[in-house]
Amino acid sequence: MKTILITGIGGLTPRSIATIIRKKHPDYKQDYLKEKILFAEFNKLLKQEKYLNLSLSELLEIAHTNIQQ
């Protein structure tokens, strides 16, 4: 059985967002631990009210910036 995620017309899927991040920051593609840290930070941001109006790709970029500091 195949699971299909529906995000709406023209919406990005989590997989496509991850692909965009890996293209912008190729080091995530080669380092599973670094990618795991990125998505842990991303999940923390999702729970903060001040980030509710941002897109998933914007949140990932913020998460990337946060873990670089």
N, C-alpha and C. Protein backbone atom coordinates (compact mmCIF):
# COMPACT_ATOMS: atom_id res chain seq x y z
N MET A 1 0.84 -1.17 0.00
CA MET A 1 0.00 0.00 0.00
C MET A 1 0.89 1.24 0.00
N LYS A 2 0.53 2.21 -0.79
CA LYS A 2 1.30 3.44 -0.89
C LYS A 2 0.53 4.58 -0.21
N THR A 3 1.24 5.36 0.60
CA THR A 3 0.63 6.50 1.28
C THR A 3 0.87 7.75 0.45
N ILE A 4 -0.17 8.51 0.25
CA ILE A 4 -0.06 9.75 -0.53
C ILE A 4 -0.40 10.92 0.37
N LEU A 5 0.48 11.90 0.40
CA LEU A 5 0.25 13.11 1.18
C LEU A 5 -0.31 14.19 0.26
N ILE A 6 -1.46 14.71 0.62
CA ILE A 6 -2.09 15.76 -0.19
C ILE A 6 -1.87 17.08 0.52
N THR A 7 -1.22 18.02 -0.18
CA THR A 7 -0.90 19.31 0.44
C THR A 7 -1.71 20.45 -0.15
N GLY A 8 -2.53 20.16 -1.11
CA GLY A 8 -3.29 21.22 -1.78
C GLY A 8 -2.68 21.50 -3.15
N ILE A 9 -3.41 22.20 -3.93
CA ILE A 9 -2.97 22.48 -5.29
C ILE A 9 -1.73 23.37 -5.27
N GLY A 10 -0.68 22.90 -5.87
CA GLY A 10 0.55 23.67 -5.98
C GLY A 10 1.38 23.72 -4.72
N GLY A 11 0.96 23.04 -3.67
CA GLY A 11 1.70 23.08 -2.42
C GLY A 11 2.91 22.18 -2.45
N LEU A 12 3.92 22.55 -1.70
CA LEU A 12 5.12 21.74 -1.60
C LEU A 12 4.88 20.57 -0.65
N THR A 13 5.45 19.45 -0.98
CA THR A 13 5.39 18.29 -0.09
C THR A 13 6.61 18.31 0.81
N PRO A 14 6.58 17.62 1.94
CA PRO A 14 7.77 17.55 2.79
C PRO A 14 8.99 17.03 2.04
N ARG A 15 8.78 16.07 1.15
CA ARG A 15 9.89 15.53 0.37
C ARG A 15 10.50 16.58 -0.56
N SER A 16 9.65 17.38 -1.21
CA SER A 16 10.18 18.41 -2.11
C SER A 16 10.89 19.51 -1.32
N ILE A 17 10.39 19.81 -0.13
CA ILE A 17 11.06 20.81 0.72
C ILE A 17 12.43 20.29 1.14
N ALA A 18 12.49 19.02 1.53
CA ALA A 18 13.78 18.43 1.90
C ALA A 18 14.75 18.46 0.73
N THR A 19 14.25 18.22 -0.46
CA THR A 19 15.10 18.27 -1.66
C THR A 19 15.65 19.67 -1.88
N ILE A 20 14.81 20.68 -1.69
CA ILE A 20 15.24 22.07 -1.85
C ILE A 20 16.34 22.40 -0.84
N ILE A 21 16.14 22.00 0.42
CA ILE A 21 17.15 22.25 1.46
C ILE A 21 18.46 21.57 1.10
N ARG A 22 18.38 20.33 0.64
CA ARG A 22 19.62 19.60 0.30
C ARG A 22 20.34 20.23 -0.88
N LYS A 23 19.59 20.83 -1.81
CA LYS A 23 20.23 21.51 -2.94
C LYS A 23 20.90 22.80 -2.48
N LYS A 24 20.24 23.54 -1.59
CA LYS A 24 20.81 24.79 -1.07
C LYS A 24 21.98 24.52 -0.13
N HIS A 25 21.88 23.43 0.63
CA HIS A 25 22.88 23.09 1.64
C HIS A 25 23.28 21.62 1.48
N PRO A 26 24.14 21.30 0.51
CA PRO A 26 24.47 19.91 0.19
C PRO A 26 25.07 19.12 1.36
N ASP A 27 25.60 19.78 2.36
CA ASP A 27 26.19 19.06 3.49
C ASP A 27 25.15 18.22 4.24
N TYR A 28 23.86 18.58 4.16
CA TYR A 28 22.83 17.77 4.81
C TYR A 28 22.65 16.43 4.12
N LYS A 29 22.87 16.42 2.82
CA LYS A 29 22.70 15.19 2.05
C LYS A 29 23.72 14.13 2.46
N GLN A 30 24.86 14.57 2.92
CA GLN A 30 25.95 13.67 3.24
C GLN A 30 26.08 13.38 4.74
N ASP A 31 25.33 14.10 5.56
CA ASP A 31 25.48 13.96 7.01
C ASP A 31 24.11 13.75 7.67
N TYR A 32 23.79 12.48 7.92
CA TYR A 32 22.49 12.13 8.50
C TYR A 32 22.29 12.80 9.86
N LEU A 33 23.31 12.85 10.68
CA LEU A 33 23.17 13.45 12.01
C LEU A 33 22.85 14.94 11.91
N LYS A 34 23.52 15.64 11.01
CA LYS A 34 23.26 17.07 10.83
C LYS A 34 21.83 17.31 10.35
N GLU A 35 21.37 16.44 9.45
CA GLU A 35 19.99 16.56 8.96
C GLU A 35 19.00 16.28 10.10
N LYS A 36 19.30 15.33 10.94
CA LYS A 36 18.45 15.00 12.08
C LYS A 36 18.36 16.19 13.04
N ILE A 37 19.48 16.87 13.26
CA ILE A 37 19.51 18.06 14.12
C ILE A 37 18.67 19.18 13.50
N LEU A 38 18.79 19.34 12.17
CA LEU A 38 18.01 20.35 11.45
C LEU A 38 16.51 20.12 11.66
N PHE A 39 16.07 18.89 11.47
CA PHE A 39 14.64 18.62 11.58
C PHE A 39 14.15 18.66 13.03
N ALA A 40 15.02 18.39 13.99
CA ALA A 40 14.65 18.56 15.40
C ALA A 40 14.40 20.04 15.69
N GLU A 41 15.28 20.90 15.18
CA GLU A 41 15.09 22.35 15.34
C GLU A 41 13.83 22.81 14.62
N PHE A 42 13.60 22.29 13.43
CA PHE A 42 12.40 22.59 12.65
C PHE A 42 11.15 22.25 13.45
N ASN A 43 11.13 21.08 14.09
CA ASN A 43 9.98 20.67 14.89
C ASN A 43 9.76 21.59 16.09
N LYS A 44 10.85 22.09 16.68
CA LYS A 44 10.71 23.05 17.78
C LYS A 44 10.05 24.34 17.28
N LEU A 45 10.44 24.79 16.09
CA LEU A 45 9.88 26.02 15.54
C LEU A 45 8.39 25.87 15.24
N LEU A 46 7.99 24.68 14.80
CA LEU A 46 6.58 24.44 14.49
C LEU A 46 5.68 24.63 15.69
N LYS A 47 6.22 24.48 16.88
CA LYS A 47 5.43 24.58 18.10
C LYS A 47 5.38 26.00 18.67
N GLN A 48 6.08 26.93 18.02
CA GLN A 48 6.12 28.31 18.50
C GLN A 48 5.13 29.16 17.73
N GLU A 49 4.27 29.83 18.45
CA GLU A 49 3.19 30.60 17.84
C GLU A 49 3.68 31.68 16.87
N LYS A 50 4.83 32.28 17.17
CA LYS A 50 5.30 33.38 16.31
C LYS A 50 5.69 32.91 14.91
N TYR A 51 5.82 31.61 14.70
CA TYR A 51 6.20 31.09 13.39
C TYR A 51 5.03 30.48 12.62
N LEU A 52 3.82 30.58 13.15
CA LEU A 52 2.67 29.92 12.53
C LEU A 52 2.35 30.40 11.12
N ASN A 53 2.67 31.64 10.80
CA ASN A 53 2.32 32.19 9.49
C ASN A 53 3.40 31.99 8.43
N LEU A 54 4.48 31.31 8.78
CA LEU A 54 5.56 31.09 7.83
C LEU A 54 5.36 29.79 7.06
N SER A 55 5.93 29.74 5.87
CA SER A 55 5.87 28.51 5.09
C SER A 55 6.85 27.48 5.65
N LEU A 56 6.68 26.25 5.26
CA LEU A 56 7.58 25.19 5.72
C LEU A 56 9.01 25.44 5.27
N SER A 57 9.18 25.92 4.05
CA SER A 57 10.54 26.18 3.57
C SER A 57 11.18 27.34 4.34
N GLU A 58 10.39 28.35 4.69
CA GLU A 58 10.93 29.45 5.51
C GLU A 58 11.34 28.94 6.89
N LEU A 59 10.53 28.05 7.46
CA LEU A 59 10.86 27.48 8.77
C LEU A 59 12.15 26.66 8.70
N LEU A 60 12.32 25.92 7.62
CA LEU A 60 13.55 25.14 7.48
C LEU A 60 14.77 26.03 7.36
N GLU A 61 14.63 27.13 6.66
CA GLU A 61 15.75 28.07 6.55
C GLU A 61 16.09 28.69 7.91
N ILE A 62 15.06 29.01 8.69
CA ILE A 62 15.29 29.54 10.04
C ILE A 62 15.96 28.48 10.91
N ALA A 63 15.48 27.24 10.80
CA ALA A 63 16.08 26.14 11.56
C ALA A 63 17.55 25.98 11.17
N HIS A 64 17.84 26.07 9.89
CA HIS A 64 19.23 25.97 9.41
C HIS A 64 20.08 27.08 10.04
N THR A 65 19.57 28.30 10.02
CA THR A 65 20.30 29.43 10.60
C THR A 65 20.52 29.23 12.09
N ASN A 66 19.50 28.76 12.78
CA ASN A 66 19.60 28.55 14.22
C ASN A 66 20.68 27.53 14.60
N ILE A 67 20.79 26.46 13.85
CA ILE A 67 21.77 25.43 14.23
C ILE A 67 23.19 25.80 13.79
N GLN A 68 23.31 26.82 12.96
CA GLN A 68 24.64 27.28 12.55
C GLN A 68 25.29 28.14 13.62
N GLN A 69 24.48 28.69 14.51
CA GLN A 69 24.98 29.62 15.53
C GLN A 69 25.64 28.89 16.67
